[in-house]
């Protein structure tokens, strides 16, 4: 399934979750308590919709992620509306609004006052590589690579944790482009959704930037080259969905 169709399928699932948010959230809470997901419930319907763009990879986990993100967004909106209702009665000017809003949020959350971060950790879950995504100006992904700490790549390890290795390979390959030290989340999504694009990306790396990492990428290619394009796309469908979700949250 092309990336555009994956995104459309995910939009359908998100709209379904929005329309049934309360029921889905209730079913998740019930499942957490009992360990059993309600048969014939809305969460099972949502998981079926998610399976369309995850290639069958953990559709229920993706469904839970969608519901939780929507629920948090709804809670944040309610908090803003609650405060604005109070301000219309008791407010003064714009500067006072900013100060009062800060104290209101502190009172609601009990959090310590801190400056908002312009970056968020882009988790790869692999030694030797870490990345941060910034939604600011300019937006992009920056990478810290310690190739001597990358795990030894074997067929067994790659097949056991396929999506993690595919994501790491795409990020490393983008990082090793001679003219592209900062790249975009869309470039990762395009690379992990299409084997041919990922192969082209790896072939274009500047090996002189980090010969050890370039050799690791070649080992990766030797394993995944046995896959057909459709099979690769199906196996990374869940990863693509989570990356699209990360982009929307950011």
Protein backbone atom coordinates (compact mmCIF):
# COMPACT_ATOMS: atom_id res chain seq x y z
CA UNK A 1 0.00 0.00 0.00
CA UNK A 2 1.51 3.39 -1.05
CA UNK A 3 2.21 5.95 1.73
CA UNK A 4 -0.75 8.09 0.58
CA UNK A 5 -3.16 5.18 1.05
CA UNK A 6 -1.61 4.36 4.43
CA UNK A 7 -2.21 7.93 5.56
CA UNK A 8 -5.81 7.85 4.31
CA UNK A 9 -6.43 4.55 6.11
CA UNK A 10 -5.04 6.04 9.29
CA UNK A 11 -7.29 9.09 8.92
CA UNK A 12 -10.32 6.77 8.72
CA UNK A 13 -9.23 5.05 11.90
CA UNK A 14 -8.65 8.38 13.65
CA UNK A 15 -12.11 9.67 12.66
CA UNK A 16 -13.68 6.46 13.98
CA UNK A 17 -11.79 6.87 17.25
CA UNK A 18 -12.92 10.50 17.56
CA UNK A 19 -16.55 9.48 17.02
CA UNK A 20 -16.29 6.74 19.67
CA UNK A 21 -13.67 8.21 21.98
CA UNK A 22 -15.52 7.82 25.27
CA UNK A 23 -16.47 4.20 24.55
CA UNK A 24 -12.98 3.28 23.37
CA UNK A 25 -11.36 4.88 26.43
CA UNK A 26 -13.75 3.03 28.71
CA UNK A 27 -12.95 -0.29 27.03
CA UNK A 28 -9.20 0.33 27.43
CA UNK A 29 -9.61 1.06 31.14
CA UNK A 30 -11.73 -2.06 31.55
CA UNK A 31 -9.13 -4.13 29.71
CA UNK A 32 -6.35 -2.78 31.91
CA UNK A 33 -8.27 -3.89 34.99
CA UNK A 34 -9.53 -7.27 33.77
CA UNK A 35 -6.94 -8.20 31.16
CA UNK A 36 -9.73 -8.93 28.67
CA UNK A 37 -10.80 -6.69 25.79
CA UNK A 38 -14.56 -6.47 25.35
CA UNK A 39 -15.75 -8.82 22.55
CA UNK A 40 -17.45 -6.99 19.70
CA UNK A 41 -16.53 -3.61 21.18
CA UNK A 42 -15.45 -0.39 19.53
CA UNK A 43 -11.77 -1.03 20.27
CA UNK A 44 -11.89 -4.24 18.27
CA UNK A 45 -13.50 -2.34 15.39
CA UNK A 46 -10.80 0.32 15.63
CA UNK A 47 -8.06 -2.34 15.67
CA UNK A 48 -9.48 -3.78 12.42
CA UNK A 49 -9.26 -0.32 10.83
CA UNK A 50 -5.69 0.04 12.09
CA UNK A 51 -4.77 -3.34 10.59
CA UNK A 52 -5.39 -1.80 7.16
CA UNK A 53 -2.33 0.45 7.48
CA UNK A 54 -0.15 -1.52 9.93
CA UNK A 55 0.05 -4.63 7.78
CA UNK A 56 -1.33 -6.59 10.71
CA UNK A 57 1.55 -5.53 12.98
CA UNK A 58 0.19 -4.78 16.47
CA UNK A 59 -3.06 -3.12 15.30
CA UNK A 60 -4.48 -3.08 18.83
CA UNK A 61 -1.38 -1.28 20.16
CA UNK A 62 -1.70 1.34 17.43
CA UNK A 63 -5.43 1.68 18.19
CA UNK A 64 -4.65 2.27 21.88
CA UNK A 65 -2.08 4.92 20.92
CA UNK A 66 -4.64 6.76 18.78
CA UNK A 67 -7.25 6.74 21.56
CA UNK A 68 -4.79 7.89 24.23
CA UNK A 69 -3.51 10.79 22.09
CA UNK A 70 -7.04 11.90 21.30
CA UNK A 71 -8.05 11.66 24.96
CA UNK A 72 -5.08 13.76 26.06
CA UNK A 73 -5.88 16.35 23.40
CA UNK A 74 -9.49 16.52 24.54
CA UNK A 75 -8.40 16.95 28.16
CA UNK A 76 -6.07 19.80 27.20
CA UNK A 77 -8.86 21.53 25.27
CA UNK A 78 -11.21 21.25 28.23
CA UNK A 79 -8.58 22.75 30.50
CA UNK A 80 -8.16 25.72 28.14
CA UNK A 81 -11.92 26.23 27.92
CA UNK A 82 -12.28 26.06 31.72
CA UNK A 83 -9.68 28.78 32.16
CA UNK A 84 -11.06 31.01 29.40
CA UNK A 85 -14.51 30.87 31.01
CA UNK A 86 -13.01 32.13 34.28
CA UNK A 87 -10.99 34.81 32.50
CA UNK A 88 -14.03 36.29 30.75
CA UNK A 89 -15.46 37.01 34.19
CA UNK A 90 -12.35 38.06 36.12
CA UNK A 91 -9.69 38.94 33.49
CA UNK A 92 -7.89 42.19 32.79
CA UNK A 93 -5.30 42.56 30.00
CA UNK A 94 -3.14 40.33 27.79
CA UNK A 95 -0.08 40.41 30.03
CA UNK A 96 -2.16 39.46 33.07
CA UNK A 97 -3.71 36.65 31.03
CA UNK A 98 -0.30 35.10 30.34
CA UNK A 99 0.73 35.23 34.00
CA UNK A 100 -2.62 33.92 35.23
CA UNK A 101 -2.65 31.15 32.66
CA UNK A 102 0.77 29.94 33.83
CA UNK A 103 -0.31 29.83 37.46
CA UNK A 104 -3.57 28.14 36.55
CA UNK A 105 -1.74 25.32 34.77
CA UNK A 106 0.67 24.95 37.68
CA UNK A 107 -2.27 24.64 40.04
CA UNK A 108 -4.01 22.04 37.85
CA UNK A 109 -0.94 19.86 37.29
CA UNK A 110 1.19 20.51 40.38
CA UNK A 111 4.13 20.86 37.99
CA UNK A 112 7.21 22.97 38.58
CA UNK A 113 7.65 26.03 36.40
CA UNK A 114 9.89 25.20 33.45
CA UNK A 115 10.69 26.46 29.98
CA UNK A 116 9.03 24.44 27.20
CA UNK A 117 11.47 22.32 25.23
CA UNK A 118 11.79 22.99 21.50
CA UNK A 119 13.01 19.43 20.92
CA UNK A 120 11.75 15.98 21.75
CA UNK A 121 13.65 12.71 21.89
CA UNK A 122 13.07 10.57 18.84
CA UNK A 123 13.37 7.13 20.38
CA UNK A 124 15.21 4.46 18.39
CA UNK A 125 15.80 2.06 21.27
CA UNK A 126 19.22 1.05 19.93
CA UNK A 127 22.69 1.58 21.42
CA UNK A 128 25.01 3.82 19.47
CA UNK A 129 22.40 6.15 18.02
CA UNK A 130 20.00 8.78 19.35
CA UNK A 131 17.97 11.45 17.60
CA UNK A 132 15.98 14.55 18.48
CA UNK A 133 13.10 16.04 16.52
CA UNK A 134 12.42 19.76 16.53
CA UNK A 135 9.12 21.19 15.32
CA UNK A 136 10.53 24.71 15.53
CA UNK A 137 12.19 26.86 12.89
CA UNK A 138 13.65 25.17 11.02
CA UNK A 139 12.08 21.82 11.84
CA UNK A 140 14.15 18.67 11.50
CA UNK A 141 15.83 15.62 13.00
CA UNK A 142 19.36 15.77 14.38
CA UNK A 143 21.35 12.62 15.13
CA UNK A 144 24.13 11.63 17.51
CA UNK A 145 25.87 8.54 16.14
CA UNK A 146 28.49 6.42 17.91
CA UNK A 147 28.94 3.68 15.34
CA UNK A 148 31.34 1.66 17.47
CA UNK A 149 28.40 1.00 19.82
CA UNK A 150 25.94 -0.14 17.15
CA UNK A 151 24.80 -3.73 17.77
CA UNK A 152 26.24 -6.48 15.61
CA UNK A 153 23.73 -7.12 12.85
CA UNK A 154 22.72 -10.72 12.18
CA UNK A 155 19.80 -12.25 10.31
CA UNK A 156 18.37 -13.48 13.60
CA UNK A 157 18.55 -10.10 15.34
CA UNK A 158 17.12 -8.23 12.37
CA UNK A 159 14.12 -10.51 11.87
CA UNK A 160 13.44 -10.53 15.61
CA UNK A 161 13.20 -6.71 15.74
CA UNK A 162 12.68 -5.80 12.09
CA UNK A 163 11.07 -2.35 12.39
CA UNK A 164 13.65 -1.10 14.88
CA UNK A 165 16.50 -2.01 12.54
CA UNK A 166 14.71 -0.53 9.50
CA UNK A 167 14.16 2.74 11.36
CA UNK A 168 17.79 2.83 12.52
CA UNK A 169 19.03 2.14 8.98
CA UNK A 170 16.94 4.97 7.53
CA UNK A 171 18.07 7.45 10.19
CA UNK A 172 21.76 6.47 9.81
CA UNK A 173 21.56 6.67 6.01
CA UNK A 174 19.99 10.15 6.16
CA UNK A 175 22.58 11.23 8.70
CA UNK A 176 25.43 10.09 6.42
CA UNK A 177 24.32 12.20 3.45
CA UNK A 178 27.17 14.65 2.80
CA UNK A 179 24.91 17.69 2.33
CA UNK A 180 22.09 16.88 4.77
CA UNK A 181 23.09 16.98 8.47
CA UNK A 182 19.51 17.87 9.47
CA UNK A 183 16.66 16.07 7.76
CA UNK A 184 12.90 15.88 8.06
CA UNK A 185 10.49 13.34 9.52
CA UNK A 186 8.84 12.97 6.11
CA UNK A 187 12.14 11.71 4.70
CA UNK A 188 12.22 8.94 7.30
CA UNK A 189 8.60 8.01 6.55
CA UNK A 190 9.29 7.81 2.81
CA UNK A 191 12.38 5.68 3.35
CA UNK A 192 10.85 3.10 5.69
CA UNK A 193 7.71 2.71 3.57
CA UNK A 194 9.50 1.79 0.33
CA UNK A 195 12.39 -0.72 0.10
CA UNK A 196 13.65 0.69 -3.22
CA UNK A 197 13.87 4.20 -1.77
CA UNK A 198 15.69 2.91 1.30
CA UNK A 199 18.17 1.00 -0.89
CA UNK A 200 18.80 4.12 -3.00
CA UNK A 201 19.28 6.19 0.14
CA UNK A 202 21.83 3.76 1.55
CA UNK A 203 23.65 3.60 -1.80
CA UNK A 204 24.04 7.39 -1.75
CA UNK A 205 25.66 7.73 1.69
CA UNK A 206 29.01 9.42 2.05
CA UNK A 207 31.10 6.55 3.41
CA UNK A 208 33.88 8.90 4.45
CA UNK A 209 31.63 10.49 7.09
CA UNK A 210 31.59 7.26 9.12
CA UNK A 211 33.02 4.12 7.44
CA UNK A 212 31.94 1.85 10.30
CA UNK A 213 28.31 3.01 10.08
CA UNK A 214 28.39 2.69 6.27
CA UNK A 215 29.58 -0.92 6.63
CA UNK A 216 26.73 -1.56 9.09
CA UNK A 217 24.28 -0.33 6.47
CA UNK A 218 25.72 -2.69 3.88
CA UNK A 219 25.24 -5.60 6.29
CA UNK A 220 21.64 -4.47 6.71
CA UNK A 221 21.09 -4.45 2.96
CA UNK A 222 22.45 -7.96 2.54
CA UNK A 223 19.69 -9.25 4.82
CA UNK A 224 16.71 -7.22 3.60
CA UNK A 225 17.51 -7.61 -0.10
CA UNK A 226 15.76 -10.99 -0.04
CA UNK A 227 12.42 -9.27 0.62
CA UNK A 228 9.92 -8.35 -2.06
CA UNK A 229 8.76 -4.74 -2.08
CA UNK A 230 5.16 -5.56 -1.07
CA UNK A 231 6.30 -7.74 1.81
CA UNK A 232 8.63 -5.01 3.08
CA UNK A 233 5.83 -2.43 2.90
CA UNK A 234 3.47 -4.72 4.83
CA UNK A 235 6.08 -5.37 7.54
CA UNK A 236 6.78 -1.66 8.05
CA UNK A 237 3.15 -0.51 7.92
CA UNK A 238 2.87 -0.24 11.69
CA UNK A 239 6.14 1.69 11.88
CA UNK A 240 4.93 4.15 9.22
CA UNK A 241 1.70 4.67 11.16
CA UNK A 242 3.56 5.45 14.38
CA UNK A 243 5.89 7.88 12.60
CA UNK A 244 2.93 9.71 11.06
CA UNK A 245 1.37 9.82 14.52
CA UNK A 246 4.60 11.27 15.99
CA UNK A 247 4.61 13.97 13.33
CA UNK A 248 1.01 14.96 14.12
CA UNK A 249 1.67 15.09 17.88
CA UNK A 250 4.77 17.20 17.37
